Amino acid sequence: MAVMLKDAHDGDLTEVSDINVTPFIDVILVLLIIFMVAAPLSTVDVAVDLPVSNAQPQPRPDKPVFLTVKPDLTLALGNDDVPRVALQATLDQQTSHDREQRIFLRADGAVSYSELMKVMNLLRDAGYLKIALVGLEDTGQGSAVPAALPVEKPAADKAQ
């Protein structure tokens, strides 16, 4: 509320240049109440009882099968190039027709997601459903470690 400390008999009509902040505060308080009521309604809160996993790390296979997608979209099984049409036969030969064996799939960073999915579809069509995607794990020490294969540490390293 603005107060004028002037003689009322002055005859001059003067403007009051004080800002009336009361309507501004009222609007802010109304908006605050609206947001306080609406904020809990906008969050997704699904109660889920997640199971606890106590799975042991899988041991590294004696001879893992690595399938690599190169930047030029050619495939390599281990160190040997493989044409896409001969992928199933080459995998069967490499795994001795064991389609339950895990295939470790690596791809260059320049390979698009759709091309990687095409290779995964080739593997599925060949009957290999156990596919592990290989990436690099950031250890924070400047060098990256492959993340898909668990590494067994010697007993001396575990004690430290």
C-alpha atoms as a PDB file:
ATOM      1  CA  MET A   1       0.000   0.000   0.000  1.00  0.00           C
ATOM      2  CA  ALA A   2       1.485   3.340  -1.044  1.00  0.00           C
ATOM      3  CA  VAL A   3       1.447   6.237   1.385  1.00  0.00           C
ATOM      4  CA  MET A   4       1.802   9.860   0.348  1.00  0.00           C
ATOM      5  CA  LEU A   5       3.369  12.151   2.884  1.00  0.00           C
ATOM      6  CA  LYS A   6       2.220  15.408   1.371  1.00  0.00           C
ATOM      7  CA  ASP A   7      -0.287  17.977   2.290  1.00  0.00           C
ATOM      8  CA  ALA A   8      -3.641  16.983   0.845  1.00  0.00           C
ATOM      9  CA  HIS A   9      -4.595  20.630   0.273  1.00  0.00           C
ATOM     10  CA  ASP A  10      -1.810  21.151  -2.210  1.00  0.00           C
ATOM     11  CA  GLY A  11      -3.884  21.075  -5.368  1.00  0.00           C
ATOM     12  CA  ASP A  12      -1.224  19.311  -7.403  1.00  0.00           C
ATOM     13  CA  LEU A  13      -1.949  15.764  -8.404  1.00  0.00           C
ATOM     14  CA  THR A  14       1.305  13.877  -8.117  1.00  0.00           C
ATOM     15  CA  GLU A  15       1.970  10.425  -9.326  1.00  0.00           C
ATOM     16  CA  VAL A  16       3.060   7.792  -6.892  1.00  0.00           C
ATOM     17  CA  SER A  17       6.125   6.119  -8.385  1.00  0.00           C
ATOM     18  CA  ASP A  18       6.347   3.273  -5.860  1.00  0.00           C
ATOM     19  CA  ILE A  19       5.900  -0.216  -7.252  1.00  0.00           C
ATOM     20  CA  ASN A  20       2.985  -2.109  -5.773  1.00  0.00           C
ATOM     21  CA  VAL A  21       4.360  -5.618  -5.287  1.00  0.00           C
ATOM     22  CA  THR A  22       1.330  -7.085  -3.537  1.00  0.00           C
ATOM     23  CA  PRO A  23      -0.306  -8.478  -6.731  1.00  0.00           C
ATOM     24  CA  PHE A  24       3.073  -9.871  -7.835  1.00  0.00           C
ATOM     25  CA  ILE A  25       3.511 -11.717  -4.522  1.00  0.00           C
ATOM     26  CA  ASP A  26      -0.053 -13.047  -4.741  1.00  0.00           C
ATOM     27  CA  VAL A  27       0.563 -14.451  -8.223  1.00  0.00           C
ATOM     28  CA  ILE A  28       3.865 -16.049  -7.169  1.00  0.00           C
ATOM     29  CA  LEU A  29       2.234 -17.709  -4.146  1.00  0.00           C
ATOM     30  CA  VAL A  30      -0.608 -19.092  -6.290  1.00  0.00           C
ATOM     31  CA  LEU A  31       1.903 -20.481  -8.807  1.00  0.00           C
ATOM     32  CA  LEU A  32       3.929 -21.993  -5.972  1.00  0.00           C
ATOM     33  CA  ILE A  33       0.865 -23.804  -4.635  1.00  0.00           C
ATOM     34  CA  ILE A  34      -0.071 -25.033  -8.123  1.00  0.00           C
ATOM     35  CA  PHE A  35       3.432 -26.422  -8.740  1.00  0.00           C
ATOM     36  CA  MET A  36       3.572 -28.018  -5.287  1.00  0.00           C
ATOM     37  CA  VAL A  37       0.330 -29.871  -6.026  1.00  0.00           C
ATOM     38  CA  ALA A  38       1.186 -30.750  -9.649  1.00  0.00           C
ATOM     39  CA  ALA A  39       4.808 -31.885  -9.147  1.00  0.00           C
ATOM     40  CA  PRO A  40       4.022 -35.181  -7.373  1.00  0.00           C
ATOM     41  CA  LEU A  41       1.425 -35.984 -10.036  1.00  0.00           C
ATOM     42  CA  SER A  42       3.925 -35.616 -12.882  1.00  0.00           C
ATOM     43  CA  THR A  43       6.439 -38.143 -11.573  1.00  0.00           C
ATOM     44  CA  VAL A  44       6.285 -41.825 -12.424  1.00  0.00           C
ATOM     45  CA  ASP A  45       6.389 -43.799  -9.242  1.00  0.00           C
ATOM     46  CA  VAL A  46       5.906 -47.501  -9.826  1.00  0.00           C
ATOM     47  CA  ALA A  47       6.496 -49.648  -6.791  1.00  0.00           C
ATOM     48  CA  VAL A  48       8.643 -52.596  -7.844  1.00  0.00           C
ATOM     49  CA  ASP A  49      10.300 -55.134  -5.608  1.00  0.00           C
ATOM     50  CA  LEU A  50      13.508 -55.770  -7.523  1.00  0.00           C
ATOM     51  CA  PRO A  51      15.234 -59.095  -6.939  1.00  0.00           C
ATOM     52  CA  VAL A  52      18.750 -59.167  -5.586  1.00  0.00           C
ATOM     53  CA  SER A  53      21.319 -60.760  -7.847  1.00  0.00           C
ATOM     54  CA  ASN A  54      23.986 -62.928  -6.314  1.00  0.00           C
ATOM     55  CA  ALA A  55      25.309 -64.289  -9.604  1.00  0.00           C
ATOM     56  CA  GLN A  56      28.966 -65.128  -9.715  1.00  0.00           C
ATOM     57  CA  PRO A  57      31.036 -63.705 -12.578  1.00  0.00           C
ATOM     58  CA  GLN A  58      31.160 -66.123 -15.453  1.00  0.00           C
ATOM     59  CA  PRO A  59      34.542 -67.700 -16.105  1.00  0.00           C
ATOM     60  CA  ARG A  60      36.232 -66.720 -19.312  1.00  0.00           C
ATOM     61  CA  PRO A  61      35.845 -69.391 -21.993  1.00  0.00           C
ATOM     62  CA  ASP A  62      38.987 -71.255 -22.980  1.00  0.00           C
ATOM     63  CA  LYS A  63      38.644 -70.172 -26.587  1.00  0.00           C
ATOM     64  CA  PRO A  64      36.194 -67.271 -26.960  1.00  0.00           C
ATOM     65  CA  VAL A  65      34.679 -66.657 -30.396  1.00  0.00           C
ATOM     66  CA  PHE A  66      35.029 -63.013 -31.418  1.00  0.00           C
ATOM     67  CA  LEU A  67      33.010 -61.664 -34.340  1.00  0.00           C
ATOM     68  CA  THR A  68      34.140 -58.186 -35.350  1.00  0.00           C
ATOM     69  CA  VAL A  69      32.332 -55.640 -37.512  1.00  0.00           C
ATOM     70  CA  LYS A  70      34.990 -53.462 -39.103  1.00  0.00           C
ATOM     71  CA  PRO A  71      34.485 -49.793 -40.071  1.00  0.00           C
ATOM     72  CA  ASP A  72      34.022 -50.818 -43.729  1.00  0.00           C
ATOM     73  CA  LEU A  73      31.209 -53.200 -42.536  1.00  0.00           C
ATOM     74  CA  THR A  74      33.146 -56.370 -43.315  1.00  0.00           C
ATOM     75  CA  LEU A  75      33.082 -59.178 -40.780  1.00  0.00           C
ATOM     76  CA  ALA A  76      36.015 -60.913 -39.156  1.00  0.00           C
ATOM     77  CA  LEU A  77      35.801 -64.092 -37.106  1.00  0.00           C
ATOM     78  CA  GLY A  78      38.833 -64.022 -34.856  1.00  0.00           C
ATOM     79  CA  ASN A  79      41.520 -62.611 -37.154  1.00  0.00           C
ATOM     80  CA  ASP A  80      40.120 -64.005 -40.435  1.00  0.00           C
ATOM     81  CA  ASP A  81      37.760 -62.114 -42.725  1.00  0.00           C
ATOM     82  CA  VAL A  82      34.417 -63.837 -43.313  1.00  0.00           C
ATOM     83  CA  PRO A  83      31.848 -63.033 -46.007  1.00  0.00           C
ATOM     84  CA  ARG A  84      28.328 -62.529 -44.637  1.00  0.00           C
ATOM     85  CA  VAL A  85      26.913 -65.403 -46.715  1.00  0.00           C
ATOM     86  CA  ALA A  86      29.442 -67.843 -45.235  1.00  0.00           C
ATOM     87  CA  LEU A  87      29.031 -66.656 -41.632  1.00  0.00           C
ATOM     88  CA  GLN A  88      26.877 -69.580 -40.466  1.00  0.00           C
ATOM     89  CA  ALA A  89      29.145 -72.242 -41.959  1.00  0.00           C
ATOM     90  CA  THR A  90      32.260 -70.593 -40.560  1.00  0.00           C
ATOM     91  CA  LEU A  91      30.712 -70.227 -37.112  1.00  0.00           C
ATOM     92  CA  ASP A  92      29.578 -73.865 -37.154  1.00  0.00           C
ATOM     93  CA  GLN A  93      33.106 -74.921 -38.035  1.00  0.00           C
ATOM     94  CA  GLN A  94      34.649 -72.685 -35.341  1.00  0.00           C
ATOM     95  CA  THR A  95      32.241 -73.808 -32.593  1.00  0.00           C
ATOM     96  CA  SER A  96      31.950 -77.475 -33.690  1.00  0.00           C
ATOM     97  CA  HIS A  97      28.199 -76.939 -34.300  1.00  0.00           C
ATOM     98  CA  ASP A  98      27.694 -75.880 -30.659  1.00  0.00           C
ATOM     99  CA  ARG A  99      25.050 -73.176 -31.026  1.00  0.00           C
ATOM    100  CA  GLU A 100      24.865 -72.699 -27.265  1.00  0.00           C
ATOM    101  CA  GLN A 101      28.353 -71.207 -27.266  1.00  0.00           C
ATOM    102  CA  ARG A 102      28.485 -67.474 -26.613  1.00  0.00           C
ATOM    103  CA  ILE A 103      29.563 -65.242 -29.509  1.00  0.00           C
ATOM    104  CA  PHE A 104      31.396 -62.067 -28.488  1.00  0.00           C
ATOM    105  CA  LEU A 105      30.387 -59.311 -30.913  1.00  0.00           C
ATOM    106  CA  ARG A 106      32.692 -56.328 -31.344  1.00  0.00           C
ATOM    107  CA  ALA A 107      32.059 -53.342 -33.592  1.00  0.00           C
ATOM    108  CA  ASP A 108      33.969 -50.232 -34.495  1.00  0.00           C
ATOM    109  CA  GLY A 109      32.543 -46.968 -33.188  1.00  0.00           C
ATOM    110  CA  ALA A 110      31.878 -45.810 -36.754  1.00  0.00           C
ATOM    111  CA  VAL A 111      29.483 -48.721 -37.394  1.00  0.00           C
ATOM    112  CA  SER A 112      25.859 -47.599 -37.285  1.00  0.00           C
ATOM    113  CA  TYR A 113      23.322 -49.200 -34.996  1.00  0.00           C
ATOM    114  CA  SER A 114      21.309 -50.542 -37.927  1.00  0.00           C
ATOM    115  CA  GLU A 115      24.359 -52.343 -39.341  1.00  0.00           C
ATOM    116  CA  LEU A 116      25.098 -53.874 -35.940  1.00  0.00           C
ATOM    117  CA  MET A 117      21.488 -55.074 -35.750  1.00  0.00           C
ATOM    118  CA  LYS A 118      21.828 -56.655 -39.206  1.00  0.00           C
ATOM    119  CA  VAL A 119      24.819 -58.663 -37.972  1.00  0.00           C
ATOM    120  CA  MET A 120      22.903 -59.688 -34.858  1.00  0.00           C
ATOM    121  CA  ASN A 121      20.039 -60.831 -37.099  1.00  0.00           C
ATOM    122  CA  LEU A 122      22.520 -62.888 -39.127  1.00  0.00           C
ATOM    123  CA  LEU A 123      23.689 -64.541 -35.921  1.00  0.00           C
ATOM    124  CA  ARG A 124      20.112 -65.225 -34.838  1.00  0.00           C
ATOM    125  CA  ASP A 125      19.252 -66.682 -38.241  1.00  0.00           C
ATOM    126  CA  ALA A 126      22.320 -68.921 -37.928  1.00  0.00           C
ATOM    127  CA  GLY A 127      20.983 -70.197 -34.588  1.00  0.00           C
ATOM    128  CA  TYR A 128      23.415 -68.407 -32.282  1.00  0.00           C
ATOM    129  CA  LEU A 129      21.277 -66.700 -29.662  1.00  0.00           C
ATOM    130  CA  LYS A 130      23.877 -66.143 -26.951  1.00  0.00           C
ATOM    131  CA  ILE A 131      25.568 -62.924 -27.995  1.00  0.00           C
ATOM    132  CA  ALA A 132      27.736 -60.761 -25.764  1.00  0.00           C
ATOM    133  CA  LEU A 133      28.455 -57.195 -26.836  1.00  0.00           C
ATOM    134  CA  VAL A 134      32.064 -56.243 -26.200  1.00  0.00           C
ATOM    135  CA  GLY A 135      32.874 -52.697 -25.172  1.00  0.00           C
ATOM    136  CA  LEU A 136      35.605 -50.877 -23.342  1.00  0.00           C
ATOM    137  CA  GLU A 137      35.298 -50.199 -19.646  1.00  0.00           C
ATOM    138  CA  ASP A 138      36.587 -46.864 -18.427  1.00  0.00           C
ATOM    139  CA  THR A 139      38.917 -47.604 -15.525  1.00  0.00           C
ATOM    140  CA  GLY A 140      39.807 -43.958 -14.963  1.00  0.00           C
ATOM    141  CA  GLN A 141      43.512 -44.673 -15.449  1.00  0.00           C
ATOM    142  CA  GLY A 142      43.750 -43.572 -19.062  1.00  0.00           C
ATOM    143  CA  SER A 143      43.608 -47.047 -20.590  1.00  0.00           C
ATOM    144  CA  ALA A 144      40.469 -48.973 -21.367  1.00  0.00           C
ATOM    145  CA  VAL A 145      39.789 -52.609 -20.541  1.00  0.00           C
ATOM    146  CA  PRO A 146      37.419 -54.839 -22.553  1.00  0.00           C
ATOM    147  CA  ALA A 147      34.199 -54.989 -20.540  1.00  0.00           C
ATOM    148  CA  ALA A 148      32.540 -58.161 -21.836  1.00  0.00           C
ATOM    149  CA  LEU A 149      35.053 -60.705 -20.613  1.00  0.00           C
ATOM    150  CA  PRO A 150      35.558 -61.108 -16.873  1.00  0.00           C
ATOM    151  CA  VAL A 151      39.199 -61.183 -15.923  1.00  0.00           C
ATOM    152  CA  GLU A 152      40.388 -63.478 -13.156  1.00  0.00           C
ATOM    153  CA  LYS A 153      42.803 -61.680 -10.871  1.00  0.00           C
ATOM    154  CA  PRO A 154      45.654 -63.564  -9.242  1.00  0.00           C
ATOM    155  CA  ALA A 155      45.346 -64.164  -5.501  1.00  0.00           C
ATOM    156  CA  ALA A 156      48.087 -61.585  -4.804  1.00  0.00           C
ATOM    157  CA  ASP A 157      46.038 -58.850  -6.550  1.00  0.00           C
ATOM    158  CA  LYS A 158      42.836 -59.750  -4.677  1.00  0.00           C
ATOM    159  CA  ALA A 159      44.523 -59.296  -1.302  1.00  0.00           C
ATOM    160  CA  GLN A 160      45.462 -55.696  -2.013  1.00  0.00           C
END
